Structures are given as C-alpha cells and as structure tokens.
Protein backbone atom coordinates (compact mmCIF):
# COMPACT_ATOMS: atom_id res chain seq x y z
CA MET A 1 119.61 89.03 71.77
CA TYR A 2 120.21 87.45 75.18
CA SER A 3 123.69 86.76 76.58
CA VAL A 4 124.86 83.49 78.12
CA LEU A 5 128.03 82.84 80.12
CA ILE A 6 129.51 79.32 79.91
CA VAL A 7 131.64 78.43 82.95
CA GLU A 8 133.36 75.10 82.34
CA ASP A 9 136.94 73.94 83.06
CA HIS A 10 136.95 71.31 80.26
CA ASP A 11 137.90 73.06 77.02
CA ARG A 12 136.04 70.71 74.66
CA LEU A 13 132.75 70.79 76.57
CA ARG A 14 133.01 74.57 76.94
CA GLU A 15 133.41 74.97 73.17
CA GLN A 16 130.52 72.56 72.47
CA LEU A 17 128.18 74.49 74.75
CA GLY A 18 129.30 77.79 73.26
CA ASN A 19 128.64 76.58 69.71
CA PHE A 20 125.22 75.29 70.69
CA TYR A 21 124.12 78.58 72.26
CA GLU A 22 125.48 80.61 69.33
CA GLN A 23 123.40 78.47 66.96
CA GLU A 24 120.38 79.15 69.19
CA GLY A 25 120.88 82.89 68.71
CA PHE A 26 122.55 83.78 72.02
CA ARG A 27 125.54 86.04 72.48
CA VAL A 28 128.13 83.81 74.15
CA ALA A 29 130.94 84.49 76.63
CA MET A 30 133.13 81.83 78.22
CA ALA A 31 135.08 81.32 81.44
CA SER A 32 137.33 78.39 82.42
CA SER A 33 136.73 78.66 86.19
CA GLY A 34 134.31 80.02 88.76
CA GLU A 35 136.73 82.84 89.57
CA ASP A 36 136.94 83.82 85.89
CA GLY A 37 133.16 83.66 85.71
CA ILE A 38 132.83 86.17 88.57
CA GLN A 39 135.13 88.57 86.71
CA ARG A 40 133.03 88.28 83.53
CA LEU A 41 129.83 88.85 85.51
CA ALA A 42 131.26 92.06 86.93
CA GLN A 43 131.94 93.31 83.38
CA GLU A 44 128.71 92.31 81.64
CA ARG A 45 125.11 91.36 82.42
CA PHE A 46 123.97 87.88 81.37
CA ALA A 47 120.51 86.36 81.06
CA ILE A 48 121.83 82.86 81.83
CA VAL A 49 124.95 81.40 83.42
CA VAL A 50 125.64 77.74 82.52
CA SER A 51 128.15 76.23 84.94
CA ASP A 52 129.62 72.83 85.67
CA VAL A 53 129.27 71.78 89.30
CA LYS A 54 132.70 70.23 89.77
CA MET A 55 135.51 72.66 89.04
CA PRO A 56 138.85 73.40 90.71
CA GLY A 57 138.62 76.30 93.16
CA MET A 58 135.15 77.81 93.19
CA ASP A 59 132.57 75.16 92.26
CA GLY A 60 129.22 75.61 90.56
CA PHE A 61 127.27 75.71 93.82
CA GLN A 62 129.34 78.62 95.11
CA LEU A 63 129.04 80.40 91.79
CA ALA A 64 125.24 79.96 91.79
CA ARG A 65 125.05 81.44 95.30
CA HIS A 66 127.18 84.41 94.20
CA VAL A 67 124.99 85.05 91.15
CA ARG A 68 121.80 84.91 93.21
CA GLU A 69 123.17 87.42 95.73
CA LYS A 70 124.74 89.85 93.25
CA TYR A 71 122.67 89.42 90.08
CA PRO A 72 119.20 88.15 91.06
CA GLU A 73 117.77 88.58 87.54
CA THR A 74 120.38 86.20 86.06
CA ASP A 75 119.39 82.53 85.86
CA VAL A 76 121.87 79.72 86.58
CA ILE A 77 121.83 76.28 84.95
CA LEU A 78 124.08 73.72 86.63
CA ILE A 79 125.65 70.78 84.78
CA THR A 80 125.94 67.77 87.05
CA ALA A 81 126.66 64.05 86.89
CA PHE A 82 123.61 61.81 87.23
CA GLY A 83 124.61 60.72 90.71
CA ASN A 84 124.69 64.32 91.96
CA ILE A 85 121.05 65.18 91.19
CA LYS A 86 120.24 65.46 94.90
CA GLN A 87 123.03 68.00 95.27
CA ALA A 88 121.78 69.88 92.22
CA VAL A 89 118.29 70.12 93.70
CA GLU A 90 119.81 71.48 96.90
CA ALA A 91 121.73 73.97 94.80
CA MET A 92 118.46 75.15 93.26
CA LYS A 93 117.29 76.00 96.76
CA LEU A 94 120.42 78.10 97.14
CA GLY A 95 119.92 79.99 93.91
CA ALA A 96 120.32 77.83 90.82
CA SER A 97 117.39 78.03 88.37
CA ASP A 98 117.65 74.54 86.86
CA TYR A 99 120.08 71.72 86.10
CA ILE A 100 120.95 69.24 83.38
CA THR A 101 122.70 65.91 83.83
CA LYS A 102 125.72 64.46 82.06
CA PRO A 103 125.77 63.06 79.49
CA PHE A 104 123.20 65.46 78.03
CA GLN A 105 121.52 65.93 74.69
CA PRO A 106 121.21 69.34 73.00
CA GLU A 107 117.44 69.07 73.27
CA ALA A 108 117.69 68.97 77.06
CA ILE A 109 119.72 72.18 77.12
CA ARG A 110 117.30 73.80 74.67
CA LEU A 111 114.23 72.97 76.76
CA VAL A 112 115.75 74.26 80.00
CA SER A 113 117.03 77.44 78.35
CA GLU A 114 113.75 78.14 76.56
CA LYS A 115 111.84 77.76 79.81
CA LEU A 116 114.09 80.30 81.53
CA ILE A 117 113.87 82.77 78.64
CA GLU A 118 110.07 82.43 78.59
CA LYS A 119 110.03 83.19 82.32
CA ARG A 120 112.27 86.23 81.75
CA LEU A 121 110.04 87.49 78.92
CA LEU A 122 106.98 87.10 81.13
CA ILE A 123 108.64 89.05 83.98
CA GLU A 124 109.64 91.82 81.56
CA GLU A 125 106.14 91.93 80.12
CA VAL A 126 104.54 92.16 83.58
CA ARG A 127 106.99 94.91 84.56
CA GLU A 128 106.20 96.82 81.37
CA LEU A 129 102.45 96.44 81.85
CA ARG A 130 102.71 97.52 85.49
CA GLN A 131 104.66 100.59 84.42
CA LYS A 132 102.04 101.45 81.79
CA VAL A 133 99.26 101.01 84.34
CA ASN A 134 101.07 103.22 86.82
CA GLU A 135 101.71 105.86 84.18
CA GLY A 136 98.07 105.76 83.18
CA THR A 137 96.62 106.01 86.68
CA SER A 138 98.94 108.34 88.55
CA LEU A 139 100.91 111.51 88.09
CA GLU A 140 102.88 112.71 91.08
CA ASN A 141 100.31 112.18 93.89
CA ILE A 142 97.20 112.34 91.67
CA ILE A 143 95.39 109.06 91.03
CA SER A 144 92.93 108.62 88.17
CA LYS A 145 92.03 106.54 85.15
CA SER A 146 89.24 108.84 84.01
CA PRO A 147 89.60 110.11 80.41
CA LYS A 148 88.84 113.61 81.72
CA MET A 149 91.68 113.44 84.23
CA LEU A 150 94.08 111.80 81.80
CA LYS A 151 93.65 114.91 79.63
CA VAL A 152 94.50 116.97 82.72
CA PHE A 153 97.62 114.80 83.19
CA ASP A 154 98.70 115.61 79.62
CA LEU A 155 98.07 119.30 80.27
CA ILE A 156 100.11 119.20 83.49
CA ARG A 157 103.06 117.67 81.63
CA SER A 158 102.92 120.31 78.93
CA LEU A 159 102.53 123.12 81.50
CA ALA A 160 105.59 121.89 83.37
CA ALA A 161 107.73 122.68 80.33
CA THR A 162 106.63 126.34 80.32
CA ASP A 163 106.68 129.20 82.81
CA SER A 164 103.20 130.51 82.02
CA GLY A 165 100.70 131.51 84.67
CA VAL A 166 98.08 128.88 85.44
CA MET A 167 94.53 129.25 86.71
CA ILE A 168 93.10 126.06 88.25
CA THR A 169 89.36 125.90 88.81
CA GLY A 170 87.23 123.21 90.36
CA GLU A 171 84.97 122.50 93.29
CA THR A 172 86.35 122.17 96.82
CA GLY A 173 88.15 118.86 97.17
CA THR A 174 88.92 118.26 93.49
CA GLY A 175 92.66 118.49 94.11
CA LYS A 176 93.66 121.95 92.90
CA GLU A 177 96.74 122.18 95.13
CA LEU A 178 97.78 118.67 94.11
CA VAL A 179 97.71 119.76 90.47
CA ALA A 180 99.66 122.93 91.27
CA ARG A 181 102.30 120.88 93.10
CA ALA A 182 102.49 118.43 90.17
CA VAL A 183 103.16 121.28 87.74
CA HIS A 184 105.87 122.59 90.06
CA ASN A 185 107.48 119.19 90.71
CA LEU A 186 107.74 118.43 86.99
CA SER A 187 109.11 121.85 86.08
CA ARG A 188 112.61 123.33 86.04
CA ARG A 189 111.68 125.08 89.32
CA LYS A 190 111.27 121.81 91.24
CA HIS A 191 114.48 122.34 93.24
CA LYS A 192 113.16 125.63 94.63
CA GLY A 193 110.21 126.20 96.95
CA PHE A 194 106.51 125.60 96.36
CA ILE A 195 104.95 128.35 98.49
CA ALA A 196 101.19 128.04 99.04
CA ILE A 197 98.84 130.52 100.67
CA ASN A 198 95.07 130.44 101.02
CA CYS A 199 94.05 134.04 100.35
CA GLY A 200 90.62 133.44 101.86
CA ALA A 201 92.10 132.46 105.21
CA PHE A 202 93.40 135.98 106.01
CA PRO A 203 91.73 139.36 106.52
CA GLU A 204 92.90 141.90 103.94
CA THR A 205 95.26 143.68 106.36
CA LEU A 206 96.99 140.47 107.40
CA LEU A 207 97.09 139.06 103.85
CA GLU A 208 99.23 141.97 102.66
CA GLY A 209 101.82 141.28 105.35
CA GLU A 210 101.79 137.55 104.56
CA LEU A 211 102.33 138.15 100.84
CA PHE A 212 104.67 141.14 100.82
CA GLY A 213 106.45 140.77 104.15
CA TYR A 214 107.37 143.73 106.33
CA GLU A 215 110.26 145.63 107.83
CA LYS A 216 110.85 146.00 111.57
CA GLY A 217 108.56 148.67 113.01
CA ALA A 218 106.24 148.74 109.97
CA PHE A 219 103.28 148.36 112.34
CA THR A 220 102.55 147.56 115.96
CA GLY A 221 103.89 144.09 116.67
CA ALA A 222 106.44 144.08 113.82
CA VAL A 223 109.38 143.53 116.16
CA GLN A 224 111.62 142.19 113.40
CA SER A 225 111.75 142.16 109.61
CA ARG A 226 110.11 139.27 107.80
CA ALA A 227 110.11 138.10 104.18
CA GLY A 228 106.69 137.53 102.64
CA LYS A 229 105.42 134.60 100.61
CA ILE A 230 106.23 136.36 97.33
CA GLU A 231 109.86 136.88 98.30
CA THR A 232 110.15 133.35 99.66
CA ALA A 233 108.87 131.94 96.36
CA ASP A 234 111.80 133.45 94.42
CA GLY A 235 113.05 130.83 91.97
CA GLY A 236 110.09 128.58 92.68
CA THR A 237 106.31 128.64 92.49
CA LEU A 238 103.76 130.78 94.35
CA PHE A 239 100.35 129.13 94.70
CA LEU A 240 97.48 131.52 95.46
CA ASP A 241 94.40 129.55 96.51
CA GLU A 242 90.92 131.15 96.64
CA ILE A 243 92.28 134.03 94.59
CA GLU A 244 88.78 135.43 94.11
CA THR A 245 88.66 136.45 97.79
CA THR A 246 91.37 139.09 97.39
CA ALA A 247 90.14 142.69 97.47
CA PRO A 248 90.50 144.81 94.27
CA ALA A 249 93.19 146.93 95.97
CA MET A 250 95.22 143.79 96.70
CA GLN A 251 94.72 142.65 93.12
CA VAL A 252 96.31 145.91 91.92
CA LYS A 253 99.36 145.31 94.12
CA LEU A 254 99.71 141.71 92.98
CA LEU A 255 99.33 142.79 89.36
CA ARG A 256 102.22 145.21 89.80
CA VAL A 257 104.39 142.42 91.22
CA LEU A 258 103.53 140.18 88.28
CA GLN A 259 104.32 142.89 85.75
CA GLU A 260 107.49 144.30 87.32
CA ARG A 261 108.78 141.12 88.96
CA GLU A 262 109.74 142.95 92.12
CA VAL A 263 108.26 143.32 95.59
CA GLU A 264 108.49 145.93 98.32
CA ARG A 265 108.00 144.97 101.97
CA LEU A 266 105.52 146.89 104.12
CA GLY A 267 107.31 149.77 105.82
CA GLY A 268 110.25 149.53 103.45
CA ASN A 269 111.43 151.39 100.37
CA ARG A 270 113.74 148.76 98.87
CA LYS A 271 112.56 146.91 95.78
CA ILE A 272 113.44 143.22 95.81
CA LYS A 273 113.65 141.35 92.51
CA VAL A 274 111.67 138.11 92.36
CA ASP A 275 111.55 135.35 89.76
CA MET A 276 108.63 133.06 90.39
CA ARG A 277 105.86 131.25 88.65
CA VAL A 278 102.35 132.07 89.83
CA ILE A 279 99.62 129.42 89.92
CA ALA A 280 96.21 130.56 91.15
CA ALA A 281 93.13 128.54 92.06
CA SER A 282 89.46 129.14 92.69
CA ASN A 283 86.39 127.06 93.54
CA VAL A 284 83.89 129.57 92.11
CA ASP A 285 82.91 130.70 88.62
CA LEU A 286 85.28 133.58 87.93
CA ALA A 287 83.00 134.90 85.17
CA ILE A 288 80.50 135.79 87.91
CA CYS A 289 83.24 137.57 89.89
CA LEU A 290 84.14 139.56 86.77
CA SER A 291 80.53 140.57 86.15
CA ARG A 292 80.11 141.66 89.78
CA GLY A 293 83.33 143.67 89.69
CA THR A 294 84.92 141.80 92.60
CA LEU A 295 87.64 140.51 90.26
CA ARG A 296 89.54 143.03 88.16
CA GLU A 297 89.65 142.19 84.47
CA ASP A 298 93.34 143.12 84.01
CA PHE A 299 94.31 140.97 87.01
CA TYR A 300 92.15 138.10 85.77
CA TYR A 301 93.80 138.02 82.35
CA ARG A 302 97.26 138.22 83.92
CA ILE A 303 96.72 135.11 86.08
CA ASN A 304 94.45 133.19 83.72
CA VAL A 305 97.04 132.58 80.98
CA ILE A 306 96.37 128.83 80.85
CA PRO A 307 93.15 127.58 82.49
CA VAL A 308 92.89 124.09 83.99
CA HIS A 309 89.48 122.81 85.09
CA LEU A 310 89.22 119.82 87.42
CA PRO A 311 86.05 117.70 87.24
CA PRO A 312 84.39 116.62 90.50
CA LEU A 313 84.45 112.97 91.51
CA ARG A 314 80.78 112.50 90.58
CA GLU A 315 81.83 113.07 86.94
CA ARG A 316 84.57 110.44 87.08
CA LEU A 317 83.13 107.66 89.23
CA GLU A 318 85.48 105.13 87.63
CA ASP A 319 88.14 106.63 89.91
CA LEU A 320 86.25 105.80 93.11
CA PRO A 321 87.56 102.20 93.52
CA LEU A 322 91.12 103.45 92.81
CA LEU A 323 90.84 106.14 95.48
CA ILE A 324 89.30 103.74 98.00
CA ASP A 325 92.18 101.27 97.52
CA HIS A 326 94.71 104.08 97.83
CA LEU A 327 93.16 105.39 101.05
CA LEU A 328 92.83 101.94 102.62
CA ASN A 329 96.51 101.24 101.87
CA ARG A 330 97.52 104.45 103.66
CA HIS A 331 95.05 104.65 106.55
CA SER A 332 96.57 103.50 109.84
CA VAL A 333 93.32 101.97 111.19
CA ALA A 334 92.73 100.09 107.92
CA ARG A 335 96.27 98.68 108.05
CA GLU A 336 96.02 97.72 111.72
CA ARG A 337 92.74 95.89 111.15
CA SER A 338 93.82 94.46 107.76
CA ILE A 339 90.92 96.13 105.96
CA ARG A 340 91.65 95.61 102.27
CA GLN A 341 88.36 96.56 100.63
CA VAL A 342 84.83 97.84 101.17
CA ALA A 343 81.87 95.52 100.79
CA PRO A 344 80.38 95.38 97.26
CA GLY A 345 77.07 96.72 98.56
CA VAL A 346 78.79 99.73 100.12
CA LEU A 347 80.69 100.45 96.90
CA ASP A 348 77.40 100.26 94.97
CA GLN A 349 75.87 102.81 97.35
CA MET A 350 78.86 105.11 96.87
CA LEU A 351 78.68 104.81 93.09
CA ALA A 352 74.95 105.64 93.20
CA TYR A 353 75.48 108.72 95.37
CA ARG A 354 75.82 111.84 93.25
C-alpha cells in the first residue's frame, strides 16, 4: 500500500482529497500547511505529496522544491487555479511531478496518480531486475554468467560460512586468487588480513623465511626479527599459490603448523599460536604430483578438504563479452579514446579462438 500526504489549508478540500485517496487504496496523512507537511515528511516516507499552490507561509512551489531536494523518490502533484498553469509548469521544472487544475474531477486526480504509481512501479522493477542481473553475473570481483561459474559462486558462498581448508585448481589466469579473496571477504575473517604468497616464486631456503619468519641473527643478513606470512595471517586467511612447488620437507613443516596451529620462527624457540584459514591453489594436476611423490599424501589431504575447480575461459565463452565490457570500462586508454566496444568481426574471431 502506497502512502500519500495531502497538504491543503482548506479543511473541506483536504478532507475530500483524503477520502478520495483512501477509497483508491492509499494510506493517507494530512497537513494544513507547508510547514506541517515538512514535519510529516521527516517522520514518514510518502509515494506522493498532493499540495495546493497557494497557502499561507510556505507555498506549494517551495514545498515541491524541498521534496525534490530531500526526498527525490517522492512525487509531488500541485493543485492550482486554471490561470496559474504557467506557474505550475514552471514548478514542474523545479521538482513537481504533475499538476491538476481547480475545479477538478476525481477522474483527473486518479489519472495523474495512476501515472505516477505506474512510473514508480517501473523504476522499482528495473532496480530489482538490475540487482538480479548483478547478483547473477558478479560475486566480489568475479564476473560471469556461465552456469559452470555460477555453481562456483554458490560454492564460494557456502565455503565462506565455514572455516574448512580449500584447494583451488585451474589453469593459469582462471582467477584462483580472486576466488580465494572472495571466500575470505565473505567470511567471518574478512576484517583480518588476506595474506597471499606464491610458493613457486621463492627458492626453498627463502620460502621458509617468508612463511615462518625469523629472529635477529638467525642467519647472515637477519639484522632484525621479522614475522612470517603464517604469523601475519593470524585471524585471517593464508593463501598459498602454486602449492605443488613446495619441497616435501617444507610440506612436513606446513603440515605441522596446520595440525598444531602454532609456528616457530627460524632461529627461535618460542611457539606462537596462530588461528588462520588456509586456502591453497595449483595450476597442475595434483594427482600427477601425488603419483610422482613430489606432493605428500598426508599434506595433500590436509589442504584439499574442499576442492574448487575453475574452468578456463574457452569452456565459458559466454563470459567473453562481459569481460570485454568490464575491461573497456576500466582501461585508461579505452576511456580516454571513448572506446565502448570491439568490432563484431573481432568478437567473432575471439569467440572462434580456442
């Protein structure tokens, strides 16, 4: 049920308008002056304000301007004498939605009101559809309308409600870190850090220092103590990319951290408690790593509690136009040159390229 506010200084006309709108199914409130109308607007939201133009104190034009500035989604209908139509049209430029002239018939009020309610319903419908489209095509910073990826979206939402370890697999460029960040941002740990490290980017000796940290003097060059990634991730999420590149000895040390929830810095003897969620990722088939012995089975099962596989773009080509639009909207050169789309022939070539 929509609400309407009648602002009219003549008691009889105010009552007539109120009765009419009640019969039309509106919830009605009344005010005898523009000032009273402003007070009612501050207390309650209205779909429509119906106001006389000529009133002592604040007139209808001033009220319409106030409504447009403070409550832009509220429509204003002005009641004016026939000779003031020009003024009423000017008032519409200032914020009024429509006007009716005195003396008026109920049918005139009905038509104007119905038109405004239809417009409001259309705006609400568009807003609802836009929200549904946005919900269907994006999650955090991931964009897709592919059925395969929408299943991943559902999985991400369900994972965010748990604290289980996650293993994300997929080819290079499929968005594994984006998915890990989405899980973190939707979880209870979102207010703590998301600490990412690419295990393949460090030699084994340096990786240990990066993960576990070290005390001053632990090795040549350790001029001061430093917390590692594991310690820094306390309360948040630790993302281990290219996990398959870690040596078996490092896997044993990480396994101990995962089991005991404590870490010891290099060169130190103090155990530091850590509470973190671990999300790992790999762009290779981990079954092959297991068969070759480069990935320990006990470590694999500890990190692979819930697997998430990301399909490559060639398996979800319906996402290509979405991604192109997204990139063009963000790319500085595209914005500077007002590039809004790629040529149809170019898009066809992209879609045909596997």
